[in-house]
Amino acid sequence: MNEVVAYIVALHGYSERKACQVTCQHRSTQRKKMVGDPLTELRQRMHAIVATRIRYGYRKVHIML
C-alpha cells in the first residue's frame, strides 16, 4: 500500500477506498506491486561509458558493454 494512503487509513480509520478517493489516487495503483526496472544497471553502465567517452556512438557503446 502507498505510504500516504496507509497513513490516512491508520490515522483516520478510513477505508482504503475512501483514502484513495481523498488523495485522488486510483485504487488499482494500491494493489499492484512495484516492479523494479530490470535494465537500470545496464542504463547506468551505458551512461558511465558515455560520460568518459563523449564522442562514442551507440554502436561502440554497445560493443563496450
N, C-alpha and C. Protein backbone atom coordinates (compact mmCIF):
# COMPACT_ATOMS: atom_id res chain seq x y z
N MET A 1 0.84 -1.18 0.00
CA MET A 1 0.00 0.00 0.00
C MET A 1 0.89 1.24 0.00
N ASN A 2 0.44 2.25 -0.70
CA ASN A 2 1.16 3.51 -0.76
C ASN A 2 1.25 4.10 0.66
N GLU A 3 2.35 4.78 0.95
CA GLU A 3 2.58 5.31 2.30
C GLU A 3 1.53 6.34 2.69
N VAL A 4 1.13 7.18 1.75
CA VAL A 4 0.15 8.22 2.06
C VAL A 4 -1.20 7.60 2.39
N VAL A 5 -1.61 6.66 1.57
CA VAL A 5 -2.90 6.00 1.80
C VAL A 5 -2.85 5.19 3.09
N ALA A 6 -1.75 4.51 3.33
CA ALA A 6 -1.61 3.74 4.56
C ALA A 6 -1.66 4.65 5.79
N TYR A 7 -1.06 5.82 5.68
CA TYR A 7 -1.08 6.79 6.77
C TYR A 7 -2.51 7.25 7.06
N ILE A 8 -3.25 7.57 6.02
CA ILE A 8 -4.64 8.03 6.19
C ILE A 8 -5.50 6.92 6.78
N VAL A 9 -5.30 5.70 6.31
CA VAL A 9 -6.08 4.57 6.83
C VAL A 9 -5.76 4.35 8.31
N ALA A 10 -4.49 4.42 8.66
CA ALA A 10 -4.10 4.16 10.05
C ALA A 10 -4.51 5.29 10.98
N LEU A 11 -4.31 6.52 10.55
CA LEU A 11 -4.54 7.67 11.43
C LEU A 11 -6.03 8.01 11.57
N HIS A 12 -6.72 8.04 10.45
CA HIS A 12 -8.11 8.49 10.47
C HIS A 12 -9.12 7.34 10.48
N GLY A 13 -8.66 6.14 10.23
CA GLY A 13 -9.56 5.00 10.24
C GLY A 13 -10.43 4.89 9.00
N TYR A 14 -10.04 5.56 7.93
CA TYR A 14 -10.79 5.47 6.67
C TYR A 14 -10.55 4.11 6.03
N SER A 15 -11.44 3.74 5.15
CA SER A 15 -11.22 2.54 4.35
C SER A 15 -10.22 2.88 3.26
N GLU A 16 -9.68 1.86 2.65
CA GLU A 16 -8.71 2.08 1.58
C GLU A 16 -9.37 2.82 0.42
N ARG A 17 -10.61 2.48 0.14
CA ARG A 17 -11.35 3.13 -0.94
C ARG A 17 -11.49 4.63 -0.68
N LYS A 18 -11.88 4.99 0.52
CA LYS A 18 -12.07 6.40 0.88
C LYS A 18 -10.73 7.14 0.90
N ALA A 19 -9.69 6.49 1.41
CA ALA A 19 -8.36 7.12 1.45
C ALA A 19 -7.84 7.38 0.04
N CYS A 20 -8.09 6.47 -0.88
CA CYS A 20 -7.68 6.69 -2.27
C CYS A 20 -8.48 7.82 -2.89
N GLN A 21 -9.75 7.91 -2.54
CA GLN A 21 -10.59 8.97 -3.06
C GLN A 21 -10.12 10.33 -2.54
N VAL A 22 -9.73 10.39 -1.28
CA VAL A 22 -9.26 11.64 -0.68
C VAL A 22 -7.96 12.10 -1.34
N THR A 23 -7.06 11.17 -1.65
CA THR A 23 -5.77 11.51 -2.24
C THR A 23 -5.82 11.58 -3.77
N CYS A 24 -7.02 11.40 -4.35
CA CYS A 24 -7.19 11.43 -5.82
C CYS A 24 -6.29 10.40 -6.50
N GLN A 25 -6.31 9.20 -5.97
CA GLN A 25 -5.46 8.13 -6.49
C GLN A 25 -6.35 6.94 -6.81
N HIS A 26 -6.06 6.27 -7.91
CA HIS A 26 -6.83 5.10 -8.28
C HIS A 26 -6.51 3.94 -7.35
N ARG A 27 -7.53 3.16 -7.02
CA ARG A 27 -7.31 2.03 -6.12
C ARG A 27 -6.45 0.95 -6.76
N SER A 28 -6.47 0.86 -8.08
CA SER A 28 -5.68 -0.17 -8.76
C SER A 28 -4.18 0.05 -8.53
N THR A 29 -3.75 1.30 -8.33
CA THR A 29 -2.34 1.54 -8.07
C THR A 29 -1.94 1.06 -6.69
N GLN A 30 -2.89 0.93 -5.80
CA GLN A 30 -2.60 0.42 -4.46
C GLN A 30 -2.40 -1.08 -4.48
N ARG A 31 -3.01 -1.75 -5.39
CA ARG A 31 -2.98 -3.21 -5.43
C ARG A 31 -1.75 -3.77 -6.13
N LYS A 32 -1.20 -3.02 -7.05
CA LYS A 32 -0.07 -3.52 -7.84
C LYS A 32 1.22 -3.46 -7.05
N LYS A 33 2.02 -4.48 -7.19
CA LYS A 33 3.36 -4.49 -6.61
C LYS A 33 4.29 -3.69 -7.51
N MET A 34 5.15 -2.91 -6.89
CA MET A 34 6.11 -2.14 -7.68
C MET A 34 7.21 -3.08 -8.16
N VAL A 35 7.45 -3.03 -9.44
CA VAL A 35 8.46 -3.88 -10.05
C VAL A 35 9.60 -2.99 -10.50
N GLY A 36 10.80 -3.32 -10.08
CA GLY A 36 11.94 -2.54 -10.50
C GLY A 36 12.27 -2.75 -11.96
N ASP A 37 12.86 -1.77 -12.57
CA ASP A 37 13.22 -1.86 -13.98
C ASP A 37 14.44 -2.77 -14.11
N PRO A 38 14.34 -3.85 -14.89
CA PRO A 38 15.48 -4.77 -15.00
C PRO A 38 16.66 -4.19 -15.78
N LEU A 39 16.44 -3.12 -16.50
CA LEU A 39 17.50 -2.53 -17.32
C LEU A 39 18.20 -1.36 -16.65
N THR A 40 17.93 -1.11 -15.39
CA THR A 40 18.51 0.04 -14.70
C THR A 40 20.03 -0.06 -14.65
N GLU A 41 20.55 -1.22 -14.30
CA GLU A 41 22.01 -1.38 -14.21
C GLU A 41 22.66 -1.19 -15.57
N LEU A 42 22.03 -1.70 -16.61
CA LEU A 42 22.55 -1.56 -17.96
C LEU A 42 22.59 -0.09 -18.38
N ARG A 43 21.53 0.64 -18.08
CA ARG A 43 21.50 2.06 -18.42
C ARG A 43 22.56 2.85 -17.65
N GLN A 44 22.76 2.51 -16.40
CA GLN A 44 23.77 3.20 -15.61
C GLN A 44 25.16 2.94 -16.18
N ARG A 45 25.42 1.72 -16.61
CA ARG A 45 26.71 1.39 -17.21
C ARG A 45 26.89 2.15 -18.53
N MET A 46 25.83 2.23 -19.33
CA MET A 46 25.90 2.98 -20.59
C MET A 46 26.19 4.46 -20.34
N HIS A 47 25.54 5.04 -19.34
CA HIS A 47 25.79 6.45 -19.01
C HIS A 47 27.23 6.66 -18.54
N ALA A 48 27.78 5.69 -17.81
CA ALA A 48 29.16 5.81 -17.35
C ALA A 48 30.12 5.78 -18.54
N ILE A 49 29.86 4.91 -19.50
CA ILE A 49 30.72 4.83 -20.69
C ILE A 49 30.62 6.12 -21.49
N VAL A 50 29.42 6.61 -21.69
CA VAL A 50 29.22 7.83 -22.48
C VAL A 50 29.83 9.04 -21.78
N ALA A 51 29.81 9.06 -20.46
CA ALA A 51 30.38 10.19 -19.73
C ALA A 51 31.89 10.27 -19.91
N THR A 52 32.55 9.12 -20.03
CA THR A 52 34.00 9.13 -20.19
C THR A 52 34.43 9.23 -21.65
N ARG A 53 33.61 8.71 -22.55
CA ARG A 53 33.94 8.74 -23.97
C ARG A 53 32.81 9.44 -24.72
N ILE A 54 32.88 10.74 -24.76
CA ILE A 54 31.78 11.57 -25.24
C ILE A 54 31.48 11.34 -26.71
N ARG A 55 32.48 11.10 -27.52
CA ARG A 55 32.27 11.01 -28.96
C ARG A 55 31.85 9.62 -29.43
N TYR A 56 31.71 8.67 -28.52
CA TYR A 56 31.30 7.33 -28.92
C TYR A 56 29.82 7.31 -29.25
N GLY A 57 29.47 6.60 -30.29
CA GLY A 57 28.07 6.43 -30.67
C GLY A 57 27.50 5.18 -30.02
N TYR A 58 26.27 4.88 -30.37
CA TYR A 58 25.60 3.74 -29.74
C TYR A 58 26.23 2.41 -30.12
N ARG A 59 26.83 2.33 -31.31
CA ARG A 59 27.45 1.06 -31.73
C ARG A 59 28.68 0.74 -30.89
N LYS A 60 29.54 1.73 -30.68
CA LYS A 60 30.73 1.50 -29.87
C LYS A 60 30.38 1.24 -28.42
N VAL A 61 29.38 1.96 -27.92
CA VAL A 61 28.95 1.75 -26.54
C VAL A 61 28.42 0.34 -26.39
N HIS A 62 27.67 -0.13 -27.37
CA HIS A 62 27.13 -1.50 -27.34
C HIS A 62 28.26 -2.52 -27.33
N ILE A 63 29.29 -2.29 -28.12
CA ILE A 63 30.44 -3.20 -28.16
C ILE A 63 31.16 -3.21 -26.81
N MET A 64 31.29 -2.04 -26.19
CA MET A 64 32.00 -1.96 -24.91
C MET A 64 31.23 -2.65 -23.78
N LEU A 65 29.92 -2.74 -23.92
CA LEU A 65 29.15 -3.42 -22.88
C LEU A 65 29.44 -4.90 -22.90
